[in-house]
Amino acid sequence: MCGIAGIITANTNELSTGRLKTMTDVIVHRGPDGEGQWISADGRVGLAHRRLSIIDLSEAGTQPMHYMDRYSIAFNGEIYNYVELKEMCVKQGYRFATQTDTEVIMALYDWKKEECLQYFDGMYAFALYDVNEQKVFAARDRFGEKPFYYAVLPDSTFFFASEMKALWAAGIKR
């Protein structure tokens, strides 16, 4: 199942690994096999993850995951056709360090940008940060099988999570 959470903000006081951990602690049931928190070097983007190991059971599948020293992602779900997509990416010169569908998402995003969604067959929710463009791209599957709840504060701070209670744990009012 997995669980994701994150904060994107211009106010670096809003973001800490402790706050991200608080968000994922309340959704521990979504991913009892591991957890991770990551904050960008500029302190404006934080991603967190609770892991349920299914595809790549090794530590290489730990999230938030990073790719090409450029992308970071928190991903929940499964891309059913990731093997075929990986083969397409390899033909374009992309290299992979894991056997995960998560890494394939980042490679395909690098190649196709937002159009990558047209290639995914699966159920998913993710937030992907591009450090070069200073941009976050977030998406969920068409049917919302994997939830993506979010809140935007008046100062434009953006919170997201797999469950509402993770937002409440971060201090978002009900």
C-alpha atoms as a PDB file:
ATOM      1  CA  MET A   1       0.000   0.000   0.000  1.00  0.00           C
ATOM      2  CA  CYS A   2       2.665   2.566   1.090  1.00  0.00           C
ATOM      3  CA  GLY A   3       2.023   6.071   2.313  1.00  0.00           C
ATOM      4  CA  ILE A   4       3.391   9.416   1.200  1.00  0.00           C
ATOM      5  CA  ALA A   5       3.462  12.891   2.673  1.00  0.00           C
ATOM      6  CA  GLY A   6       5.196  16.159   2.007  1.00  0.00           C
ATOM      7  CA  ILE A   7       5.467  19.890   2.395  1.00  0.00           C
ATOM      8  CA  ILE A   8       6.403  22.471  -0.233  1.00  0.00           C
ATOM      9  CA  THR A   9       6.963  25.963   1.120  1.00  0.00           C
ATOM     10  CA  ALA A  10       8.805  29.246   0.723  1.00  0.00           C
ATOM     11  CA  ASN A  11       8.800  29.507   4.539  1.00  0.00           C
ATOM     12  CA  THR A  12      11.572  27.152   5.626  1.00  0.00           C
ATOM     13  CA  ASN A  13      10.302  27.358   9.235  1.00  0.00           C
ATOM     14  CA  GLU A  14       7.301  25.236   8.132  1.00  0.00           C
ATOM     15  CA  LEU A  15       9.528  22.306   7.193  1.00  0.00           C
ATOM     16  CA  SER A  16      11.453  19.845   9.342  1.00  0.00           C
ATOM     17  CA  THR A  17      12.178  16.126   9.294  1.00  0.00           C
ATOM     18  CA  GLY A  18      10.330  15.928  12.611  1.00  0.00           C
ATOM     19  CA  ARG A  19       7.180  17.368  11.080  1.00  0.00           C
ATOM     20  CA  LEU A  20       7.440  15.006   8.109  1.00  0.00           C
ATOM     21  CA  LYS A  21       7.928  12.069  10.480  1.00  0.00           C
ATOM     22  CA  THR A  22       4.880  13.142  12.483  1.00  0.00           C
ATOM     23  CA  MET A  23       2.878  13.013   9.255  1.00  0.00           C
ATOM     24  CA  THR A  24       4.046   9.510   8.355  1.00  0.00           C
ATOM     25  CA  ASP A  25       3.853   8.146  11.906  1.00  0.00           C
ATOM     26  CA  VAL A  26       0.046   8.407  11.790  1.00  0.00           C
ATOM     27  CA  ILE A  27      -0.056   6.380   8.573  1.00  0.00           C
ATOM     28  CA  VAL A  28       2.393   3.671   9.679  1.00  0.00           C
ATOM     29  CA  HIS A  29      -0.245   1.028   8.830  1.00  0.00           C
ATOM     30  CA  ARG A  30       0.219   1.928   5.146  1.00  0.00           C
ATOM     31  CA  GLY A  31       3.876   0.905   5.210  1.00  0.00           C
ATOM     32  CA  PRO A  32       5.303  -1.026   8.119  1.00  0.00           C
ATOM     33  CA  ASP A  33       8.475  -2.106   6.253  1.00  0.00           C
ATOM     34  CA  GLY A  34      10.326   1.196   6.408  1.00  0.00           C
ATOM     35  CA  GLU A  35      10.190   4.945   6.431  1.00  0.00           C
ATOM     36  CA  GLY A  36      12.139   7.905   5.154  1.00  0.00           C
ATOM     37  CA  GLN A  37      12.134  11.670   5.183  1.00  0.00           C
ATOM     38  CA  TRP A  38      14.085  13.993   2.914  1.00  0.00           C
ATOM     39  CA  ILE A  39      14.414  17.784   2.682  1.00  0.00           C
ATOM     40  CA  SER A  40      15.870  19.607  -0.316  1.00  0.00           C
ATOM     41  CA  ALA A  41      19.128  21.520   0.120  1.00  0.00           C
ATOM     42  CA  ASP A  42      17.276  24.855   0.032  1.00  0.00           C
ATOM     43  CA  GLY A  43      14.849  23.677   2.744  1.00  0.00           C
ATOM     44  CA  ARG A  44      11.732  24.317   0.649  1.00  0.00           C
ATOM     45  CA  VAL A  45      10.664  20.796  -0.336  1.00  0.00           C
ATOM     46  CA  GLY A  46      10.188  17.882   2.026  1.00  0.00           C
ATOM     47  CA  LEU A  47       9.118  14.377   1.051  1.00  0.00           C
ATOM     48  CA  ALA A  48       8.265  11.490   3.359  1.00  0.00           C
ATOM     49  CA  HIS A  49       7.363   7.862   2.803  1.00  0.00           C
ATOM     50  CA  ARG A  50       6.094   4.774   4.627  1.00  0.00           C
ATOM     51  CA  ARG A  51       7.116   1.615   2.772  1.00  0.00           C
ATOM     52  CA  LEU A  52       5.286  -1.604   2.122  1.00  0.00           C
ATOM     53  CA  SER A  53       7.850  -3.693   0.211  1.00  0.00           C
ATOM     54  CA  ILE A  54       6.350  -5.493  -2.772  1.00  0.00           C
ATOM     55  CA  ILE A  55       8.425  -5.246  -5.959  1.00  0.00           C
ATOM     56  CA  ASP A  56      12.069  -4.627  -4.968  1.00  0.00           C
ATOM     57  CA  LEU A  57      12.452  -5.898  -1.409  1.00  0.00           C
ATOM     58  CA  SER A  58      16.040  -4.633  -1.092  1.00  0.00           C
ATOM     59  CA  GLU A  59      17.142  -1.425   0.587  1.00  0.00           C
ATOM     60  CA  ALA A  60      17.584  -0.001  -2.932  1.00  0.00           C
ATOM     61  CA  GLY A  61      13.807   0.475  -3.012  1.00  0.00           C
ATOM     62  CA  THR A  62      13.837   2.844  -0.028  1.00  0.00           C
ATOM     63  CA  GLN A  63      12.087   6.189  -0.475  1.00  0.00           C
ATOM     64  CA  PRO A  64      12.143   9.057  -0.878  1.00  0.00           C
ATOM     65  CA  MET A  65      14.186   7.901  -3.849  1.00  0.00           C
ATOM     66  CA  HIS A  66      16.628   9.991  -5.871  1.00  0.00           C
ATOM     67  CA  TYR A  67      17.654   9.718  -9.525  1.00  0.00           C
ATOM     68  CA  MET A  68      20.302  11.341 -11.743  1.00  0.00           C
ATOM     69  CA  ASP A  69      21.277  13.778  -8.936  1.00  0.00           C
ATOM     70  CA  ARG A  70      18.241  15.729 -10.102  1.00  0.00           C
ATOM     71  CA  TYR A  71      14.952  14.067  -9.130  1.00  0.00           C
ATOM     72  CA  SER A  72      13.488  13.018  -5.786  1.00  0.00           C
ATOM     73  CA  ILE A  73      10.180  11.206  -5.365  1.00  0.00           C
ATOM     74  CA  ALA A  74       7.709   9.906  -2.822  1.00  0.00           C
ATOM     75  CA  PHE A  75       5.555   7.299  -4.567  1.00  0.00           C
ATOM     76  CA  ASN A  76       2.613   5.138  -3.524  1.00  0.00           C
ATOM     77  CA  GLY A  77       1.213   2.518  -5.842  1.00  0.00           C
ATOM     78  CA  GLU A  78       2.202   0.197  -8.603  1.00  0.00           C
ATOM     79  CA  ILE A  79       2.966   0.750 -12.275  1.00  0.00           C
ATOM     80  CA  TYR A  80       1.913  -2.542 -13.850  1.00  0.00           C
ATOM     81  CA  ASN A  81       3.766  -1.987 -17.123  1.00  0.00           C
ATOM     82  CA  TYR A  82       7.001  -0.702 -15.582  1.00  0.00           C
ATOM     83  CA  VAL A  83       9.115  -3.506 -17.107  1.00  0.00           C
ATOM     84  CA  GLU A  84       8.113  -2.455 -20.631  1.00  0.00           C
ATOM     85  CA  LEU A  85       8.588   1.225 -19.760  1.00  0.00           C
ATOM     86  CA  LYS A  86      12.003   0.469 -18.324  1.00  0.00           C
ATOM     87  CA  GLU A  87      12.985  -1.255 -21.586  1.00  0.00           C
ATOM     88  CA  MET A  88      11.872   1.844 -23.533  1.00  0.00           C
ATOM     89  CA  CYS A  89      13.972   4.049 -21.251  1.00  0.00           C
ATOM     90  CA  VAL A  90      17.040   1.787 -21.510  1.00  0.00           C
ATOM     91  CA  LYS A  91      16.845   2.095 -25.307  1.00  0.00           C
ATOM     92  CA  GLN A  92      16.991   5.877 -24.803  1.00  0.00           C
ATOM     93  CA  GLY A  93      20.151   5.517 -22.705  1.00  0.00           C
ATOM     94  CA  TYR A  94      18.698   5.605 -19.190  1.00  0.00           C
ATOM     95  CA  ARG A  95      20.382   3.497 -16.524  1.00  0.00           C
ATOM     96  CA  PHE A  96      18.805   1.960 -13.439  1.00  0.00           C
ATOM     97  CA  ALA A  97      20.182   1.023 -10.037  1.00  0.00           C
ATOM     98  CA  THR A  98      17.062  -0.761  -8.742  1.00  0.00           C
ATOM     99  CA  GLN A  99      14.352  -3.132  -9.867  1.00  0.00           C
ATOM    100  CA  THR A 100      11.614  -0.689  -8.803  1.00  0.00           C
ATOM    101  CA  ASP A 101       8.796   0.928 -10.694  1.00  0.00           C
ATOM    102  CA  THR A 102       9.617   4.086  -8.715  1.00  0.00           C
ATOM    103  CA  GLU A 103      12.906   4.624 -10.523  1.00  0.00           C
ATOM    104  CA  VAL A 104      11.171   4.062 -13.871  1.00  0.00           C
ATOM    105  CA  ILE A 105       8.723   6.890 -13.056  1.00  0.00           C
ATOM    106  CA  MET A 106      11.623   9.322 -12.608  1.00  0.00           C
ATOM    107  CA  ALA A 107      13.370   8.214 -15.810  1.00  0.00           C
ATOM    108  CA  LEU A 108      10.188   8.478 -17.844  1.00  0.00           C
ATOM    109  CA  TYR A 109       9.492  11.914 -16.318  1.00  0.00           C
ATOM    110  CA  ASP A 110      12.991  13.038 -17.323  1.00  0.00           C
ATOM    111  CA  TRP A 111      12.321  11.887 -20.870  1.00  0.00           C
ATOM    112  CA  LYS A 112       8.647  12.796 -21.370  1.00  0.00           C
ATOM    113  CA  LYS A 113       7.951  15.332 -18.556  1.00  0.00           C
ATOM    114  CA  GLU A 114       4.217  15.568 -17.705  1.00  0.00           C
ATOM    115  CA  GLU A 115       3.329  13.374 -20.679  1.00  0.00           C
ATOM    116  CA  CYS A 116       4.806  10.433 -18.747  1.00  0.00           C
ATOM    117  CA  LEU A 117       1.356   9.940 -17.200  1.00  0.00           C
ATOM    118  CA  GLN A 118       0.020   8.782 -20.573  1.00  0.00           C
ATOM    119  CA  TYR A 119       2.352   5.785 -20.402  1.00  0.00           C
ATOM    120  CA  PHE A 120       1.517   4.524 -16.920  1.00  0.00           C
ATOM    121  CA  ASP A 121      -0.810   1.575 -16.504  1.00  0.00           C
ATOM    122  CA  GLY A 122      -1.440   1.258 -12.810  1.00  0.00           C
ATOM    123  CA  MET A 123      -2.615   2.840  -9.616  1.00  0.00           C
ATOM    124  CA  TYR A 124      -0.435   5.552  -8.140  1.00  0.00           C
ATOM    125  CA  ALA A 125       0.026   8.826  -6.347  1.00  0.00           C
ATOM    126  CA  PHE A 126       3.356  10.609  -6.229  1.00  0.00           C
ATOM    127  CA  ALA A 127       5.177  13.885  -5.823  1.00  0.00           C
ATOM    128  CA  LEU A 128       8.385  14.308  -7.796  1.00  0.00           C
ATOM    129  CA  TYR A 129      10.822  17.179  -7.224  1.00  0.00           C
ATOM    130  CA  ASP A 130      13.140  18.421  -9.987  1.00  0.00           C
ATOM    131  CA  VAL A 131      16.010  20.291  -8.333  1.00  0.00           C
ATOM    132  CA  ASN A 132      17.223  21.813 -11.643  1.00  0.00           C
ATOM    133  CA  GLU A 133      13.831  23.304 -12.497  1.00  0.00           C
ATOM    134  CA  GLN A 134      12.909  23.965  -8.831  1.00  0.00           C
ATOM    135  CA  LYS A 135       9.545  22.381  -9.580  1.00  0.00           C
ATOM    136  CA  VAL A 136       7.332  19.745  -7.983  1.00  0.00           C
ATOM    137  CA  PHE A 137       5.149  17.555 -10.181  1.00  0.00           C
ATOM    138  CA  ALA A 138       2.408  15.660  -8.345  1.00  0.00           C
ATOM    139  CA  ALA A 139      -0.114  13.248  -9.813  1.00  0.00           C
ATOM    140  CA  ARG A 140      -2.466  10.400  -9.038  1.00  0.00           C
ATOM    141  CA  ASP A 141      -4.055   7.730 -11.182  1.00  0.00           C
ATOM    142  CA  ARG A 142      -7.185   8.649 -13.137  1.00  0.00           C
ATOM    143  CA  PHE A 143      -9.569   6.831 -10.812  1.00  0.00           C
ATOM    144  CA  GLY A 144      -7.979   7.930  -7.571  1.00  0.00           C
ATOM    145  CA  GLU A 145      -7.300   4.372  -6.437  1.00  0.00           C
ATOM    146  CA  LYS A 146      -4.260   5.741  -4.630  1.00  0.00           C
ATOM    147  CA  PRO A 147      -5.355   8.845  -2.755  1.00  0.00           C
ATOM    148  CA  PHE A 148      -3.624  12.213  -2.810  1.00  0.00           C
ATOM    149  CA  TYR A 149      -5.016  14.650  -0.249  1.00  0.00           C
ATOM    150  CA  TYR A 150      -3.660  18.176  -0.077  1.00  0.00           C
ATOM    151  CA  ALA A 151      -4.075  21.543   1.571  1.00  0.00           C
ATOM    152  CA  VAL A 152      -2.767  24.976   0.645  1.00  0.00           C
ATOM    153  CA  LEU A 153      -2.250  27.557   3.398  1.00  0.00           C
ATOM    154  CA  PRO A 154      -2.729  31.302   2.838  1.00  0.00           C
ATOM    155  CA  ASP A 155       1.070  31.718   2.612  1.00  0.00           C
ATOM    156  CA  SER A 156       1.015  29.172  -0.284  1.00  0.00           C
ATOM    157  CA  THR A 157       2.559  26.354   1.752  1.00  0.00           C
ATOM    158  CA  PHE A 158       1.400  23.099   0.148  1.00  0.00           C
ATOM    159  CA  PHE A 159       0.878  19.950   2.222  1.00  0.00           C
ATOM    160  CA  PHE A 160       0.033  16.533   0.779  1.00  0.00           C
ATOM    161  CA  ALA A 161      -0.460  13.012   2.075  1.00  0.00           C
ATOM    162  CA  SER A 162      -2.052   9.636   1.412  1.00  0.00           C
ATOM    163  CA  GLU A 163      -4.541  10.181   4.225  1.00  0.00           C
ATOM    164  CA  MET A 164      -6.211  13.220   5.757  1.00  0.00           C
ATOM    165  CA  LYS A 165      -5.002  12.354   9.240  1.00  0.00           C
ATOM    166  CA  ALA A 166      -1.402  12.957   8.111  1.00  0.00           C
ATOM    167  CA  LEU A 167      -2.424  16.511   7.186  1.00  0.00           C
ATOM    168  CA  TRP A 168      -4.096  16.949  10.570  1.00  0.00           C
ATOM    169  CA  ALA A 169      -0.943  15.667  12.276  1.00  0.00           C
ATOM    170  CA  ALA A 170       0.973  18.434  10.479  1.00  0.00           C
ATOM    171  CA  GLY A 171      -1.349  21.025  12.001  1.00  0.00           C
ATOM    172  CA  ILE A 172      -3.861  21.492   9.191  1.00  0.00           C
ATOM    173  CA  LYS A 173      -7.257  22.287  10.708  1.00  0.00           C
ATOM    174  CA  ARG A 174     -10.080  19.834  10.063  1.00  0.00           C
END
